[in-house]
C-alpha atoms as a PDB file:
ATOM      1  CA  MET A   1      96.737  88.899 104.855  1.00  0.00           C
ATOM      2  CA  ALA A   2      98.926  85.841 105.788  1.00  0.00           C
ATOM      3  CA  LYS A   3     102.171  85.723 103.972  1.00  0.00           C
ATOM      4  CA  ARG A   4     104.590  82.810 103.687  1.00  0.00           C
ATOM      5  CA  GLU A   5     108.266  83.155 104.026  1.00  0.00           C
ATOM      6  CA  ASN A   6     110.768  82.293 101.320  1.00  0.00           C
ATOM      7  CA  ILE A   7     108.526  82.871  98.336  1.00  0.00           C
ATOM      8  CA  SER A   8     110.220  81.729  95.186  1.00  0.00           C
ATOM      9  CA  SER A   9     111.772  84.186  92.674  1.00  0.00           C
ATOM     10  CA  SER A  10     109.623  82.484  89.852  1.00  0.00           C
ATOM     11  CA  VAL A  11     106.450  83.526  91.738  1.00  0.00           C
ATOM     12  CA  ILE A  12     107.675  87.130  92.277  1.00  0.00           C
ATOM     13  CA  ARG A  13     108.484  87.459  88.693  1.00  0.00           C
ATOM     14  CA  ARG A  14     104.941  86.409  87.669  1.00  0.00           C
ATOM     15  CA  LEU A  15     103.295  88.883  89.982  1.00  0.00           C
ATOM     16  CA  PRO A  16     103.703  92.042  87.571  1.00  0.00           C
ATOM     17  CA  ARG A  17     101.889  90.027  84.860  1.00  0.00           C
ATOM     18  CA  TYR A  18      99.073  89.184  87.198  1.00  0.00           C
ATOM     19  CA  TYR A  19      99.021  92.862  88.073  1.00  0.00           C
ATOM     20  CA  ARG A  20      99.026  93.915  84.429  1.00  0.00           C
ATOM     21  CA  PHE A  21      96.072  91.595  83.423  1.00  0.00           C
ATOM     22  CA  LEU A  22      94.107  92.612  86.545  1.00  0.00           C
ATOM     23  CA  ARG A  23      94.383  96.305  85.638  1.00  0.00           C
ATOM     24  CA  GLU A  24      93.235  95.575  82.050  1.00  0.00           C
ATOM     25  CA  LEU A  25      90.218  93.675  83.427  1.00  0.00           C
ATOM     26  CA  ASP A  26      89.380  96.306  85.902  1.00  0.00           C
ATOM     27  CA  ALA A  27      89.591  99.000  83.097  1.00  0.00           C
ATOM     28  CA  MET A  28      87.084  96.727  81.221  1.00  0.00           C
ATOM     29  CA  GLY A  29      84.672  96.806  83.994  1.00  0.00           C
ATOM     30  CA  VAL A  30      85.175  93.190  85.063  1.00  0.00           C
ATOM     31  CA  THR A  31      84.498  92.628  88.564  1.00  0.00           C
ATOM     32  CA  HIS A  32      85.421  88.999  89.108  1.00  0.00           C
ATOM     33  CA  VAL A  33      87.835  86.540  87.290  1.00  0.00           C
ATOM     34  CA  SER A  34      88.475  82.780  87.772  1.00  0.00           C
ATOM     35  CA  SER A  35      91.675  81.200  88.152  1.00  0.00           C
ATOM     36  CA  GLY A  36      91.022  79.424  84.702  1.00  0.00           C
ATOM     37  CA  GLU A  37      90.798  82.890  82.970  1.00  0.00           C
ATOM     38  CA  LEU A  38      93.864  84.257  84.684  1.00  0.00           C
ATOM     39  CA  ALA A  39      95.626  81.026  83.685  1.00  0.00           C
ATOM     40  CA  ARG A  40      94.597  81.435  80.067  1.00  0.00           C
ATOM     41  CA  ARG A  41      96.083  84.953  79.964  1.00  0.00           C
ATOM     42  CA  MET A  42      99.266  83.775  81.661  1.00  0.00           C
ATOM     43  CA  ARG A  43      99.578  80.661  79.529  1.00  0.00           C
ATOM     44  CA  SER A  44      99.680  78.711  82.636  1.00  0.00           C
ATOM     45  CA  THR A  45      97.170  76.453  84.594  1.00  0.00           C
ATOM     46  CA  ALA A  46      94.574  77.193  87.091  1.00  0.00           C
ATOM     47  CA  SER A  47      96.368  75.034  89.607  1.00  0.00           C
ATOM     48  CA  GLN A  48      99.592  77.252  89.165  1.00  0.00           C
ATOM     49  CA  VAL A  49      97.554  80.493  89.534  1.00  0.00           C
ATOM     50  CA  ARG A  50      96.065  79.328  92.869  1.00  0.00           C
ATOM     51  CA  GLN A  51      99.370  78.065  94.136  1.00  0.00           C
ATOM     52  CA  ASP A  52     101.087  81.461  93.273  1.00  0.00           C
ATOM     53  CA  LEU A  53      98.362  83.673  94.929  1.00  0.00           C
ATOM     54  CA  ASN A  54      98.001  81.242  97.850  1.00  0.00           C
ATOM     55  CA  CYS A  55     101.527  82.210  98.763  1.00  0.00           C
ATOM     56  CA  PHE A  56     100.117  85.536  99.922  1.00  0.00           C
ATOM     57  CA  GLY A  57      96.736  84.503 101.397  1.00  0.00           C
ATOM     58  CA  GLU A  58      93.329  83.260 100.531  1.00  0.00           C
ATOM     59  CA  PHE A  59      91.734  85.561  97.994  1.00  0.00           C
ATOM     60  CA  GLY A  60      89.304  83.546  95.821  1.00  0.00           C
ATOM     61  CA  GLN A  61      85.707  82.405  96.467  1.00  0.00           C
ATOM     62  CA  GLN A  62      84.608  79.074  95.021  1.00  0.00           C
ATOM     63  CA  GLY A  63      82.033  79.556  92.263  1.00  0.00           C
ATOM     64  CA  ILE A  64      82.769  83.316  92.070  1.00  0.00           C
ATOM     65  CA  GLY A  65      86.473  83.585  91.531  1.00  0.00           C
ATOM     66  CA  TYR A  66      88.726  86.524  92.478  1.00  0.00           C
ATOM     67  CA  ASN A  67      87.556  90.060  93.060  1.00  0.00           C
ATOM     68  CA  VAL A  68      89.493  91.948  90.377  1.00  0.00           C
ATOM     69  CA  ALA A  69      89.817  95.250  92.162  1.00  0.00           C
ATOM     70  CA  MET A  70      90.754  93.684  95.571  1.00  0.00           C
ATOM     71  CA  LEU A  71      93.357  91.304  94.027  1.00  0.00           C
ATOM     72  CA  ARG A  72      94.877  94.105  92.002  1.00  0.00           C
ATOM     73  CA  ASP A  73      95.203  96.197  95.180  1.00  0.00           C
ATOM     74  CA  VAL A  74      96.676  93.325  97.162  1.00  0.00           C
ATOM     75  CA  ILE A  75      99.242  92.635  94.416  1.00  0.00           C
ATOM     76  CA  GLU A  76      99.964  96.349  94.188  1.00  0.00           C
ATOM     77  CA  ASP A  77     100.719  96.255  97.893  1.00  0.00           C
ATOM     78  CA  ILE A  78     102.845  93.140  97.713  1.00  0.00           C
ATOM     79  CA  LEU A  79     105.015  94.684  94.968  1.00  0.00           C
ATOM     80  CA  GLY A  80     105.414  97.928  96.776  1.00  0.00           C
ATOM     81  CA  ILE A  81     104.032  99.920  93.869  1.00  0.00           C
ATOM     82  CA  LYS A  82     102.361 102.408  96.283  1.00  0.00           C
ATOM     83  CA  SER A  83     105.674 103.562  97.522  1.00  0.00           C
ATOM     84  CA  LEU A  84     107.696 106.219  95.616  1.00  0.00           C
ATOM     85  CA  TYR A  85     111.449 106.012  95.223  1.00  0.00           C
ATOM     86  CA  PRO A  86     113.673 108.661  93.619  1.00  0.00           C
ATOM     87  CA  ALA A  87     115.641 107.295  90.591  1.00  0.00           C
ATOM     88  CA  ILE A  88     118.278 108.522  88.278  1.00  0.00           C
ATOM     89  CA  LEU A  89     119.448 107.408  84.875  1.00  0.00           C
ATOM     90  CA  ILE A  90     123.195 107.197  84.013  1.00  0.00           C
ATOM     91  CA  GLY A  91     123.903 107.272  80.258  1.00  0.00           C
ATOM     92  CA  ALA A  92     121.757 109.287  77.810  1.00  0.00           C
ATOM     93  CA  GLY A  93     122.512 107.102  74.707  1.00  0.00           C
ATOM     94  CA  ASN A  94     119.974 105.283  72.695  1.00  0.00           C
ATOM     95  CA  ILE A  95     118.850 102.810  75.367  1.00  0.00           C
ATOM     96  CA  GLY A  96     118.944 105.360  78.023  1.00  0.00           C
ATOM     97  CA  LEU A  97     116.882 107.822  76.121  1.00  0.00           C
ATOM     98  CA  ALA A  98     114.408 105.141  75.111  1.00  0.00           C
ATOM     99  CA  ILE A  99     113.908 104.221  78.780  1.00  0.00           C
ATOM    100  CA  ALA A 100     113.627 107.743  79.896  1.00  0.00           C
ATOM    101  CA  ASN A 101     111.020 108.579  77.140  1.00  0.00           C
ATOM    102  CA  GLN A 102     109.081 105.408  76.934  1.00  0.00           C
ATOM    103  CA  VAL A 103     109.039 103.753  80.396  1.00  0.00           C
ATOM    104  CA  MET A 104     106.097 105.140  82.406  1.00  0.00           C
ATOM    105  CA  PHE A 105     107.691 105.510  85.774  1.00  0.00           C
ATOM    106  CA  GLU A 106     104.472 106.945  87.358  1.00  0.00           C
ATOM    107  CA  GLY A 107     102.512 104.189  88.887  1.00  0.00           C
ATOM    108  CA  ARG A 108     105.551 101.950  89.148  1.00  0.00           C
ATOM    109  CA  CYS A 109     106.921 103.223  92.522  1.00  0.00           C
ATOM    110  CA  PHE A 110     109.838 105.085  90.859  1.00  0.00           C
ATOM    111  CA  GLU A 111     110.178 108.898  90.073  1.00  0.00           C
ATOM    112  CA  LEU A 112     112.853 109.764  87.487  1.00  0.00           C
ATOM    113  CA  ILE A 113     114.558 112.879  88.912  1.00  0.00           C
ATOM    114  CA  GLY A 114     117.892 113.096  87.176  1.00  0.00           C
ATOM    115  CA  ILE A 115     119.760 112.014  83.957  1.00  0.00           C
ATOM    116  CA  PHE A 116     123.613 111.977  83.732  1.00  0.00           C
ATOM    117  CA  ASP A 117     126.064 111.710  80.907  1.00  0.00           C
ATOM    118  CA  LYS A 118     129.705 112.682  80.223  1.00  0.00           C
ATOM    119  CA  ASP A 119     129.192 113.803  76.526  1.00  0.00           C
ATOM    120  CA  PRO A 120     129.399 117.601  76.443  1.00  0.00           C
ATOM    121  CA  GLU A 121     126.983 117.614  73.393  1.00  0.00           C
ATOM    122  CA  LYS A 122     124.364 115.967  75.622  1.00  0.00           C
ATOM    123  CA  ILE A 123     124.878 117.811  78.838  1.00  0.00           C
ATOM    124  CA  GLY A 124     122.341 120.613  79.186  1.00  0.00           C
ATOM    125  CA  LYS A 125     119.933 119.079  76.778  1.00  0.00           C
ATOM    126  CA  LYS A 126     116.388 118.180  78.147  1.00  0.00           C
ATOM    127  CA  VAL A 127     114.616 114.834  78.187  1.00  0.00           C
ATOM    128  CA  GLY A 128     111.030 115.717  78.852  1.00  0.00           C
ATOM    129  CA  GLU A 129     111.252 118.088  81.941  1.00  0.00           C
ATOM    130  CA  ILE A 130     114.723 116.663  83.052  1.00  0.00           C
ATOM    131  CA  THR A 131     118.088 118.447  82.117  1.00  0.00           C
ATOM    132  CA  ILE A 132     120.918 116.096  81.336  1.00  0.00           C
ATOM    133  CA  GLN A 133     123.682 116.784  83.887  1.00  0.00           C
ATOM    134  CA  ASN A 134     127.403 116.197  83.856  1.00  0.00           C
ATOM    135  CA  ILE A 135     128.327 112.925  85.485  1.00  0.00           C
ATOM    136  CA  ASP A 136     130.904 114.799  87.600  1.00  0.00           C
ATOM    137  CA  GLU A 137     127.911 116.109  89.582  1.00  0.00           C
ATOM    138  CA  LEU A 138     126.618 112.568  90.270  1.00  0.00           C
ATOM    139  CA  GLN A 139     127.703 112.045  93.804  1.00  0.00           C
ATOM    140  CA  THR A 140     126.652 115.481  94.970  1.00  0.00           C
ATOM    141  CA  PHE A 141     123.221 115.141  93.334  1.00  0.00           C
ATOM    142  CA  CYS A 142     122.593 111.715  94.936  1.00  0.00           C
ATOM    143  CA  GLU A 143     123.658 112.909  98.377  1.00  0.00           C
ATOM    144  CA  ASN A 144     121.414 116.025  98.169  1.00  0.00           C
ATOM    145  CA  ASN A 145     118.303 114.159  96.771  1.00  0.00           C
ATOM    146  CA  SER A 146     118.417 110.790  98.718  1.00  0.00           C
ATOM    147  CA  VAL A 147     118.498 108.816  95.449  1.00  0.00           C
ATOM    148  CA  SER A 148     117.531 105.203  96.024  1.00  0.00           C
ATOM    149  CA  THR A 149     117.792 103.676  92.606  1.00  0.00           C
ATOM    150  CA  ALA A 150     120.164 104.061  89.589  1.00  0.00           C
ATOM    151  CA  ILE A 151     119.414 102.989  86.068  1.00  0.00           C
ATOM    152  CA  LEU A 152     122.695 101.979  84.345  1.00  0.00           C
ATOM    153  CA  CYS A 153     122.805 102.441  80.567  1.00  0.00           C
ATOM    154  CA  VAL A 154     126.533 102.889  80.215  1.00  0.00           C
ATOM    155  CA  PRO A 155     129.276 100.739  78.631  1.00  0.00           C
ATOM    156  CA  LYS A 156     130.486  97.764  80.411  1.00  0.00           C
ATOM    157  CA  SER A 157     133.947  99.173  81.007  1.00  0.00           C
ATOM    158  CA  VAL A 158     132.713 102.087  83.223  1.00  0.00           C
ATOM    159  CA  VAL A 159     130.047 100.368  85.343  1.00  0.00           C
ATOM    160  CA  GLU A 160     132.129  99.325  88.311  1.00  0.00           C
ATOM    161  CA  PRO A 161     133.560 102.773  89.107  1.00  0.00           C
ATOM    162  CA  ILE A 162     130.191 104.401  88.648  1.00  0.00           C
ATOM    163  CA  ALA A 163     128.607 101.829  90.782  1.00  0.00           C
ATOM    164  CA  GLU A 164     131.213 102.516  93.514  1.00  0.00           C
ATOM    165  CA  THR A 165     130.391 106.228  93.374  1.00  0.00           C
ATOM    166  CA  LEU A 166     126.688 105.621  93.604  1.00  0.00           C
ATOM    167  CA  TYR A 167     127.203 103.267  96.479  1.00  0.00           C
ATOM    168  CA  GLY A 168     129.305 105.773  98.308  1.00  0.00           C
ATOM    169  CA  ALA A 169     126.438 108.280  97.789  1.00  0.00           C
ATOM    170  CA  GLY A 170     123.840 106.100  99.406  1.00  0.00           C
ATOM    171  CA  VAL A 171     122.290 104.407  96.389  1.00  0.00           C
ATOM    172  CA  ARG A 172     121.323 100.810  97.191  1.00  0.00           C
ATOM    173  CA  SER A 173     119.493  99.484  94.053  1.00  0.00           C
ATOM    174  CA  PHE A 174     120.304  99.176  90.449  1.00  0.00           C
ATOM    175  CA  TRP A 175     118.421  98.582  87.276  1.00  0.00           C
ATOM    176  CA  ASN A 176     121.405  97.462  85.100  1.00  0.00           C
ATOM    177  CA  PHE A 177     121.373  97.500  81.328  1.00  0.00           C
ATOM    178  CA  SER A 178     125.108  97.552  80.959  1.00  0.00           C
ATOM    179  CA  HIS A 179     125.963  93.857  80.030  1.00  0.00           C
ATOM    180  CA  TYR A 180     128.119  93.809  83.042  1.00  0.00           C
ATOM    181  CA  ASP A 181     126.867  91.479  85.798  1.00  0.00           C
ATOM    182  CA  LEU A 182     126.746  93.671  88.934  1.00  0.00           C
ATOM    183  CA  ASN A 183     126.970  90.887  91.546  1.00  0.00           C
ATOM    184  CA  MET A 184     126.612  91.594  95.149  1.00  0.00           C
ATOM    185  CA  LYS A 185     129.954  93.270  95.589  1.00  0.00           C
ATOM    186  CA  PHE A 186     128.599  95.411  98.272  1.00  0.00           C
ATOM    187  CA  ASP A 187     126.359  94.448 101.200  1.00  0.00           C
ATOM    188  CA  ASN A 188     122.642  95.370 101.188  1.00  0.00           C
ATOM    189  CA  VAL A 189     122.525  96.221  97.417  1.00  0.00           C
ATOM    190  CA  ILE A 190     119.766  95.038  95.153  1.00  0.00           C
ATOM    191  CA  VAL A 191     120.550  94.374  91.443  1.00  0.00           C
ATOM    192  CA  GLU A 192     118.213  93.665  88.562  1.00  0.00           C
ATOM    193  CA  ASN A 193     120.327  92.792  85.566  1.00  0.00           C
ATOM    194  CA  VAL A 194     118.601  93.255  82.211  1.00  0.00           C
ATOM    195  CA  HIS A 195     120.439  91.539  79.219  1.00  0.00           C
ATOM    196  CA  LEU A 196     118.509  92.350  76.058  1.00  0.00           C
ATOM    197  CA  SER A 197     120.805  89.905  74.054  1.00  0.00           C
ATOM    198  CA  ASP A 198     119.788  87.110  76.425  1.00  0.00           C
ATOM    199  CA  SER A 199     116.240  87.743  75.704  1.00  0.00           C
ATOM    200  CA  LEU A 200     116.905  87.745  72.149  1.00  0.00           C
ATOM    201  CA  MET A 201     118.772  84.487  72.243  1.00  0.00           C
ATOM    202  CA  GLN A 202     115.840  82.824  74.190  1.00  0.00           C
ATOM    203  CA  LEU A 203     113.544  83.974  71.378  1.00  0.00           C
ATOM    204  CA  CYS A 204     115.964  82.383  68.893  1.00  0.00           C
ATOM    205  CA  PHE A 205     115.904  78.978  70.846  1.00  0.00           C
ATOM    206  CA  ARG A 206     112.085  79.075  70.863  1.00  0.00           C
ATOM    207  CA  LEU A 207     112.040  79.711  67.261  1.00  0.00           C
ATOM    208  CA  LYS A 208     114.477  76.758  66.532  1.00  0.00           C
ATOM    209  CA  LYS A 209     112.447  74.551  68.763  1.00  0.00           C
ATOM    210  CA  GLN A 210     109.208  75.514  66.956  1.00  0.00           C
ATOM    211  CA  ASN A 211     110.756  74.834  63.521  1.00  0.00           C
ATOM    212  CA  ASN A 212     112.045  71.452  64.715  1.00  0.00           C
ATOM    213  CA  ASP A 213     108.862  70.219  66.224  1.00  0.00           C
END
């Protein structure tokens, strides 16, 4: 599979949607899908679909379309979903518990192995099979378990010192819900900032635009 260098972030962000639709089609017993059908589901164009997928190789056949199972496996490989990375969650509040309970980590290359909080009333309680631990144990746990990823669901004011502790313990990627922009303060760190309020404001903009059209 020939891959091009410098794939745009917009293409990468569309890949999980392609993957989701292909899994749905595969579950329905669909064996082939056209670029037009994928475009309809993506609310895009057939040309955009072909351009996106051509960044990673030639997969479609004229008159037949894409082999659903094969393309799903290719995208799975591109996204690295077949790997398994140990992850921990910091902050067992409403958002943290929702993520721990609702996000299906299996099949998404992450295994949630620890949850931490500083609230004495939460420490020792279980979330599924995982016992909430005191955040004072964070560094030792990370060092002993080779944690690669931390999910941050803590107040903005405490993110930086926690991130420094995690970095010192070898953690190099962050899924950050803290409303604090964790920029590249450290070398070789990957950060995915999630701002729910930003998403809500984008929805508000689209509603306003629709009402004004």
